[in-house]
Amino acid sequence: MVSIVSSVRTIVRRLIILTNTIIQIMVDKDLQTIGKTIRKLRLAKGLSQEELGAEAGLDRTYVSDIELGTRNFGIKNLIKIARALKVTAVYLLKEL
């Protein structure tokens, strides 16, 4: 009986890890999609990452991480970027 319980616990732990991995992959794709949208707009407006960062009050490396989809950033920073690009935050999320 103890062996069965131990096996079930092991299976549950592995399922949790797998589920978390799948969720992380989904989040990464969403972040990459948002980042691509921001990059397209930035380039269309002729801004460098440094200029966008300065306008939004963010560091250039932070903007770079967002555009690459490697930074899980908050709604306040999304709004800052949207305002710097003169679009709505909703516009930046439209491709999701």
Protein backbone atom coordinates (compact mmCIF):
# COMPACT_ATOMS: atom_id res chain seq x y z
CA MET A 1 0.00 0.00 0.00
CA VAL A 2 2.80 2.40 0.90
CA SER A 3 4.46 1.67 -2.44
CA ILE A 4 1.31 2.57 -4.36
CA VAL A 5 0.90 5.86 -2.47
CA SER A 6 4.54 6.70 -3.15
CA SER A 7 4.09 5.94 -6.85
CA VAL A 8 0.96 8.08 -7.06
CA ARG A 9 2.74 10.97 -5.35
CA THR A 10 5.60 10.68 -7.83
CA ILE A 11 3.19 10.69 -10.77
CA VAL A 12 1.33 13.72 -9.39
CA ARG A 13 4.59 15.63 -8.90
CA ARG A 14 5.63 14.88 -12.48
CA LEU A 15 2.24 15.97 -13.80
CA ILE A 16 2.51 19.24 -11.89
CA ILE A 17 5.97 19.88 -13.35
CA LEU A 18 4.72 19.05 -16.85
CA THR A 19 1.67 21.32 -16.45
CA ASN A 20 3.84 24.20 -15.23
CA THR A 21 6.18 23.70 -18.19
CA ILE A 22 3.28 23.79 -20.66
CA ILE A 23 1.89 26.95 -19.03
CA GLN A 24 5.33 28.60 -19.21
CA ILE A 25 5.63 27.78 -22.92
CA MET A 26 2.20 29.34 -23.54
CA VAL A 27 3.14 32.46 -21.58
CA ASP A 28 6.41 32.74 -23.48
CA LYS A 29 4.57 32.66 -26.81
CA ASP A 30 2.22 35.41 -25.62
CA LEU A 31 5.15 37.51 -24.43
CA GLN A 32 6.91 36.99 -27.76
CA THR A 33 3.77 38.05 -29.64
CA ILE A 34 3.45 41.24 -27.59
CA GLY A 35 7.18 41.90 -28.01
CA LYS A 36 6.95 41.56 -31.79
CA THR A 37 4.04 44.01 -31.86
CA ILE A 38 6.00 46.53 -29.79
CA ARG A 39 9.09 46.11 -31.99
CA LYS A 40 7.08 46.61 -35.21
CA LEU A 41 5.50 49.79 -33.86
CA ARG A 42 8.80 51.10 -32.54
CA LEU A 43 10.51 50.59 -35.87
CA ALA A 44 7.57 52.07 -37.79
CA LYS A 45 7.90 55.21 -35.67
CA GLY A 46 11.65 55.33 -36.27
CA LEU A 47 12.57 54.90 -32.61
CA SER A 48 15.54 53.05 -31.18
CA GLN A 49 15.09 50.88 -28.11
CA GLU A 50 16.94 53.53 -26.14
CA GLU A 51 14.59 56.28 -27.36
CA LEU A 52 11.49 54.19 -26.58
CA GLY A 53 12.90 53.35 -23.18
CA ALA A 54 13.61 57.00 -22.42
CA GLU A 55 10.12 58.04 -23.52
CA ALA A 56 8.54 55.27 -21.42
CA GLY A 57 10.86 55.71 -18.43
CA LEU A 58 12.38 52.25 -18.90
CA ASP A 59 15.92 51.04 -19.50
CA ARG A 60 16.94 50.06 -23.03
CA THR A 61 17.80 46.53 -21.91
CA TYR A 62 14.33 46.17 -20.38
CA VAL A 63 12.76 47.20 -23.70
CA SER A 64 15.02 44.71 -25.49
CA ASP A 65 13.94 41.90 -23.15
CA ILE A 66 10.28 42.76 -23.73
CA GLU A 67 10.70 42.75 -27.50
CA LEU A 68 12.44 39.37 -27.33
CA GLY A 69 9.66 37.94 -25.17
CA THR A 70 12.03 37.08 -22.34
CA ARG A 71 10.69 39.61 -19.83
CA ASN A 72 7.44 38.98 -17.98
CA PHE A 73 6.48 42.61 -17.44
CA GLY A 74 3.59 44.24 -15.63
CA ILE A 75 0.56 46.15 -16.84
CA LYS A 76 2.01 49.50 -15.69
CA ASN A 77 4.99 49.04 -17.99
CA LEU A 78 2.72 47.94 -20.83
CA ILE A 79 0.80 51.20 -20.39
CA LYS A 80 4.05 53.21 -20.30
CA ILE A 81 5.17 51.62 -23.56
CA ALA A 82 1.77 52.12 -25.16
CA ARG A 83 1.76 55.80 -24.24
CA ALA A 84 5.31 56.23 -25.53
CA LEU A 85 4.22 54.65 -28.83
CA LYS A 86 1.01 56.72 -28.82
CA VAL A 87 -1.29 53.68 -28.94
CA THR A 88 -3.56 52.00 -26.42
CA ALA A 89 -2.43 49.09 -24.28
CA VAL A 90 -5.23 47.08 -25.89
CA TYR A 91 -3.63 47.70 -29.29
CA LEU A 92 -0.43 46.06 -28.07
CA LEU A 93 -2.42 42.98 -27.05
CA LYS A 94 -4.48 42.69 -30.24
CA GLU A 95 -2.50 39.79 -31.72
CA LEU A 96 -3.11 37.49 -28.73
